[in-house]
Amino acid sequence: MSGFIEILHAERVAADPGTVRAVYVDLHHREVARVHPREHLRQRAHGPAGPRFECRARSGLDLFERHERPDGGVLDRCVAGPHWGRSIGARFVPDPDGTLLELTLTQPLRAVLARFLGHWLRARLEAELRDFAHEIRLDIERGQAKRRPLRAA
């Protein structure tokens, strides 16, 4: 097993790509709406590469930097904390049924850990990424349901 784990996950969301992207990048909404119940977010001052935010979870406090990609995607890279080096990339691909939210998680791994814990860690990270994407989809679709116009009888 190599020195990093890369996991790809795609989730279909019943909303247009602009809406999905707007909700995904809105950290304040994620914190207030408790989209991910186990995480607490706090925005920090801009860093040298872009916006920064703290993410507190069970495993500790991580500091992330957000990078905007030319294709409209977003890359969140952990620059300090227990998950230092981890990155989560998001792409918002138009789909006939709405948007395909493509998430890519990359986690560096020491060779010793890769040898002994690689398969277990990969399975755990896949489950976390799947839950993360599912919670985002539910939040967006719940918001879309509220915005549907009422029809007169």
C-alpha atoms as a PDB file:
ATOM      1  CA  MET A   1       0.000   0.000   0.000  1.00  0.00           C
ATOM      2  CA  SER A   2       1.291   3.476  -0.896  1.00  0.00           C
ATOM      3  CA  GLY A   3       1.960   6.468   1.356  1.00  0.00           C
ATOM      4  CA  PHE A   4      -1.509   7.960   0.939  1.00  0.00           C
ATOM      5  CA  ILE A   5      -5.135   6.946   0.626  1.00  0.00           C
ATOM      6  CA  GLU A   6      -7.347   8.502  -2.052  1.00  0.00           C
ATOM      7  CA  ILE A   7     -11.085   7.922  -1.997  1.00  0.00           C
ATOM      8  CA  LEU A   8     -13.611   9.092  -4.591  1.00  0.00           C
ATOM      9  CA  HIS A   9     -17.335   9.352  -3.880  1.00  0.00           C
ATOM     10  CA  ALA A  10     -20.159  10.764  -5.994  1.00  0.00           C
ATOM     11  CA  GLU A  11     -23.588  11.753  -4.702  1.00  0.00           C
ATOM     12  CA  ARG A  12     -26.545  12.865  -6.836  1.00  0.00           C
ATOM     13  CA  VAL A  13     -28.280  15.966  -5.490  1.00  0.00           C
ATOM     14  CA  ALA A  14     -31.683  17.133  -6.746  1.00  0.00           C
ATOM     15  CA  ALA A  15     -30.660  20.784  -7.192  1.00  0.00           C
ATOM     16  CA  ASP A  16     -28.812  22.868  -9.770  1.00  0.00           C
ATOM     17  CA  PRO A  17     -24.975  23.062  -9.560  1.00  0.00           C
ATOM     18  CA  GLY A  18     -25.018  26.708  -8.432  1.00  0.00           C
ATOM     19  CA  THR A  19     -27.214  25.911  -5.446  1.00  0.00           C
ATOM     20  CA  VAL A  20     -25.160  22.851  -4.483  1.00  0.00           C
ATOM     21  CA  ARG A  21     -21.921  24.839  -4.670  1.00  0.00           C
ATOM     22  CA  ALA A  22     -23.359  27.765  -2.708  1.00  0.00           C
ATOM     23  CA  VAL A  23     -24.566  25.536   0.118  1.00  0.00           C
ATOM     24  CA  TYR A  24     -21.331  23.508   0.148  1.00  0.00           C
ATOM     25  CA  VAL A  25     -19.059  26.555   0.510  1.00  0.00           C
ATOM     26  CA  ASP A  26     -21.276  28.320   3.096  1.00  0.00           C
ATOM     27  CA  LEU A  27     -19.480  27.383   6.319  1.00  0.00           C
ATOM     28  CA  HIS A  28     -21.771  29.538   8.457  1.00  0.00           C
ATOM     29  CA  HIS A  29     -24.813  27.587   7.223  1.00  0.00           C
ATOM     30  CA  ARG A  30     -23.044  24.283   7.888  1.00  0.00           C
ATOM     31  CA  GLU A  31     -22.403  25.323  11.495  1.00  0.00           C
ATOM     32  CA  VAL A  32     -25.809  26.860  12.238  1.00  0.00           C
ATOM     33  CA  ALA A  33     -27.871  24.150  10.518  1.00  0.00           C
ATOM     34  CA  ARG A  34     -25.725  21.420  12.127  1.00  0.00           C
ATOM     35  CA  VAL A  35     -25.408  19.690   8.762  1.00  0.00           C
ATOM     36  CA  HIS A  36     -22.732  17.414  10.222  1.00  0.00           C
ATOM     37  CA  PRO A  37     -23.719  16.915  13.874  1.00  0.00           C
ATOM     38  CA  ARG A  38     -20.257  15.840  15.044  1.00  0.00           C
ATOM     39  CA  GLU A  39     -18.361  18.869  13.723  1.00  0.00           C
ATOM     40  CA  HIS A  40     -18.095  22.448  14.937  1.00  0.00           C
ATOM     41  CA  LEU A  41     -16.806  25.078  12.513  1.00  0.00           C
ATOM     42  CA  ARG A  42     -15.347  28.511  13.095  1.00  0.00           C
ATOM     43  CA  GLN A  43     -14.131  30.852  10.392  1.00  0.00           C
ATOM     44  CA  ARG A  44     -10.676  32.342  10.832  1.00  0.00           C
ATOM     45  CA  ALA A  45      -8.795  35.206   9.190  1.00  0.00           C
ATOM     46  CA  HIS A  46      -7.610  34.678   5.610  1.00  0.00           C
ATOM     47  CA  GLY A  47      -4.345  32.813   5.299  1.00  0.00           C
ATOM     48  CA  PRO A  48      -1.699  33.217   2.588  1.00  0.00           C
ATOM     49  CA  ALA A  49      -3.582  30.949   0.173  1.00  0.00           C
ATOM     50  CA  GLY A  50      -7.215  31.787   0.942  1.00  0.00           C
ATOM     51  CA  PRO A  51      -9.996  31.552   3.529  1.00  0.00           C
ATOM     52  CA  ARG A  52      -9.309  29.485   6.645  1.00  0.00           C
ATOM     53  CA  PHE A  53     -11.616  27.691   9.053  1.00  0.00           C
ATOM     54  CA  GLU A  54     -11.319  25.481  12.112  1.00  0.00           C
ATOM     55  CA  CYS A  55     -13.094  22.160  12.322  1.00  0.00           C
ATOM     56  CA  ARG A  56     -13.449  20.607  15.759  1.00  0.00           C
ATOM     57  CA  ALA A  57     -14.485  16.969  15.828  1.00  0.00           C
ATOM     58  CA  ARG A  58     -13.934  14.030  18.167  1.00  0.00           C
ATOM     59  CA  SER A  59     -10.400  13.546  16.899  1.00  0.00           C
ATOM     60  CA  GLY A  60      -9.283  17.115  17.667  1.00  0.00           C
ATOM     61  CA  LEU A  61      -9.044  20.582  16.161  1.00  0.00           C
ATOM     62  CA  ASP A  62      -7.989  20.911  12.519  1.00  0.00           C
ATOM     63  CA  LEU A  63      -7.205  24.108  10.628  1.00  0.00           C
ATOM     64  CA  PHE A  64      -8.263  24.060   6.958  1.00  0.00           C
ATOM     65  CA  GLU A  65      -7.443  26.370   4.061  1.00  0.00           C
ATOM     66  CA  ARG A  66      -9.944  26.651   1.230  1.00  0.00           C
ATOM     67  CA  HIS A  67      -8.757  26.922  -2.381  1.00  0.00           C
ATOM     68  CA  GLU A  68     -11.103  27.812  -5.246  1.00  0.00           C
ATOM     69  CA  ARG A  69     -10.410  25.821  -8.409  1.00  0.00           C
ATOM     70  CA  PRO A  70     -10.651  27.280 -11.929  1.00  0.00           C
ATOM     71  CA  ASP A  71     -13.349  24.720 -12.855  1.00  0.00           C
ATOM     72  CA  GLY A  72     -15.619  25.955 -10.033  1.00  0.00           C
ATOM     73  CA  GLY A  73     -14.614  23.224  -7.614  1.00  0.00           C
ATOM     74  CA  VAL A  74     -13.359  23.681  -4.072  1.00  0.00           C
ATOM     75  CA  LEU A  75     -10.365  22.156  -2.289  1.00  0.00           C
ATOM     76  CA  ASP A  76     -10.157  22.160   1.522  1.00  0.00           C
ATOM     77  CA  ARG A  77      -6.653  21.286   2.753  1.00  0.00           C
ATOM     78  CA  CYS A  78      -5.824  20.622   6.413  1.00  0.00           C
ATOM     79  CA  VAL A  79      -2.753  22.719   7.286  1.00  0.00           C
ATOM     80  CA  ALA A  80      -2.591  22.014  11.047  1.00  0.00           C
ATOM     81  CA  GLY A  81      -4.020  19.476  13.464  1.00  0.00           C
ATOM     82  CA  PRO A  82      -4.278  15.708  13.781  1.00  0.00           C
ATOM     83  CA  HIS A  83      -5.328  15.298  10.123  1.00  0.00           C
ATOM     84  CA  TRP A  84      -2.507  17.474   8.763  1.00  0.00           C
ATOM     85  CA  GLY A  85      -2.134  16.900   5.015  1.00  0.00           C
ATOM     86  CA  ARG A  86      -5.696  15.658   4.452  1.00  0.00           C
ATOM     87  CA  SER A  87      -7.579  17.301   1.619  1.00  0.00           C
ATOM     88  CA  ILE A  88     -11.168  17.143   0.456  1.00  0.00           C
ATOM     89  CA  GLY A  89     -11.904  18.251  -3.086  1.00  0.00           C
ATOM     90  CA  ALA A  90     -15.423  18.898  -4.361  1.00  0.00           C
ATOM     91  CA  ARG A  91     -16.629  19.194  -7.956  1.00  0.00           C
ATOM     92  CA  PHE A  92     -20.152  20.129  -8.990  1.00  0.00           C
ATOM     93  CA  VAL A  93     -21.035  18.407 -12.272  1.00  0.00           C
ATOM     94  CA  PRO A  94     -24.369  19.156 -14.006  1.00  0.00           C
ATOM     95  CA  ASP A  95     -26.551  16.075 -14.323  1.00  0.00           C
ATOM     96  CA  PRO A  96     -29.993  15.545 -15.936  1.00  0.00           C
ATOM     97  CA  ASP A  97     -31.434  14.891 -12.451  1.00  0.00           C
ATOM     98  CA  GLY A  98     -29.689  17.864 -10.798  1.00  0.00           C
ATOM     99  CA  THR A  99     -26.016  17.824  -9.810  1.00  0.00           C
ATOM    100  CA  LEU A 100     -23.411  15.160  -9.291  1.00  0.00           C
ATOM    101  CA  LEU A 101     -21.369  16.138  -6.221  1.00  0.00           C
ATOM    102  CA  GLU A 102     -17.968  14.473  -6.641  1.00  0.00           C
ATOM    103  CA  LEU A 103     -15.869  14.360  -3.483  1.00  0.00           C
ATOM    104  CA  THR A 104     -12.225  13.262  -3.376  1.00  0.00           C
ATOM    105  CA  LEU A 105     -10.552  12.681  -0.020  1.00  0.00           C
ATOM    106  CA  THR A 106      -6.774  12.331   0.090  1.00  0.00           C
ATOM    107  CA  GLN A 107      -5.064  11.289   3.326  1.00  0.00           C
ATOM    108  CA  PRO A 108      -1.263  10.962   3.620  1.00  0.00           C
ATOM    109  CA  LEU A 109      -0.184   7.880   5.496  1.00  0.00           C
ATOM    110  CA  ARG A 110       3.140   6.820   6.963  1.00  0.00           C
ATOM    111  CA  ALA A 111       4.504   3.632   5.419  1.00  0.00           C
ATOM    112  CA  VAL A 112       4.403   1.761   8.752  1.00  0.00           C
ATOM    113  CA  LEU A 113       0.741   2.663   9.272  1.00  0.00           C
ATOM    114  CA  ALA A 114      -0.115   1.843   5.679  1.00  0.00           C
ATOM    115  CA  ARG A 115       1.253  -1.642   6.121  1.00  0.00           C
ATOM    116  CA  PHE A 116      -0.627  -2.474   9.319  1.00  0.00           C
ATOM    117  CA  LEU A 117      -3.714  -0.261   9.353  1.00  0.00           C
ATOM    118  CA  GLY A 118      -4.173   0.755   5.698  1.00  0.00           C
ATOM    119  CA  HIS A 119      -7.193  -1.396   4.876  1.00  0.00           C
ATOM    120  CA  TRP A 120      -8.994  -0.606   8.138  1.00  0.00           C
ATOM    121  CA  LEU A 121      -8.292   3.135   7.783  1.00  0.00           C
ATOM    122  CA  ARG A 122      -9.455   3.130   4.141  1.00  0.00           C
ATOM    123  CA  ALA A 123     -12.758   1.513   5.123  1.00  0.00           C
ATOM    124  CA  ARG A 124     -13.260   4.047   7.940  1.00  0.00           C
ATOM    125  CA  LEU A 125     -12.489   7.010   5.676  1.00  0.00           C
ATOM    126  CA  GLU A 126     -14.824   5.684   2.955  1.00  0.00           C
ATOM    127  CA  ALA A 127     -17.655   5.446   5.487  1.00  0.00           C
ATOM    128  CA  GLU A 128     -16.958   8.981   6.799  1.00  0.00           C
ATOM    129  CA  LEU A 129     -16.881  10.433   3.268  1.00  0.00           C
ATOM    130  CA  ARG A 130     -20.097   8.629   2.341  1.00  0.00           C
ATOM    131  CA  ASP A 131     -21.826  10.001   5.484  1.00  0.00           C
ATOM    132  CA  PHE A 132     -20.434  13.516   4.808  1.00  0.00           C
ATOM    133  CA  ALA A 133     -21.826  13.509   1.239  1.00  0.00           C
ATOM    134  CA  HIS A 134     -25.170  12.063   2.338  1.00  0.00           C
ATOM    135  CA  GLU A 135     -25.630  14.740   5.039  1.00  0.00           C
ATOM    136  CA  ILE A 136     -24.863  17.494   2.508  1.00  0.00           C
ATOM    137  CA  ARG A 137     -27.368  16.013   0.039  1.00  0.00           C
ATOM    138  CA  LEU A 138     -30.092  15.814   2.686  1.00  0.00           C
ATOM    139  CA  ASP A 139     -29.475  19.408   3.774  1.00  0.00           C
ATOM    140  CA  ILE A 140     -29.644  20.748   0.210  1.00  0.00           C
ATOM    141  CA  GLU A 141     -32.725  18.742  -0.758  1.00  0.00           C
ATOM    142  CA  ARG A 142     -34.490  19.714   2.479  1.00  0.00           C
ATOM    143  CA  GLY A 143     -33.830  23.365   1.577  1.00  0.00           C
ATOM    144  CA  GLN A 144     -35.039  22.825  -1.996  1.00  0.00           C
ATOM    145  CA  ALA A 145     -38.291  21.290  -0.728  1.00  0.00           C
ATOM    146  CA  LYS A 146     -38.984  24.474   1.275  1.00  0.00           C
ATOM    147  CA  ARG A 147     -38.476  26.673  -1.794  1.00  0.00           C
ATOM    148  CA  ARG A 148     -40.991  24.914  -4.053  1.00  0.00           C
ATOM    149  CA  PRO A 149     -43.831  27.240  -5.063  1.00  0.00           C
ATOM    150  CA  LEU A 150     -47.327  26.476  -3.823  1.00  0.00           C
ATOM    151  CA  ARG A 151     -49.911  25.649  -6.441  1.00  0.00           C
ATOM    152  CA  ALA A 152     -53.432  26.982  -6.301  1.00  0.00           C
ATOM    153  CA  ALA A 153     -56.163  24.341  -6.150  1.00  0.00           C
END
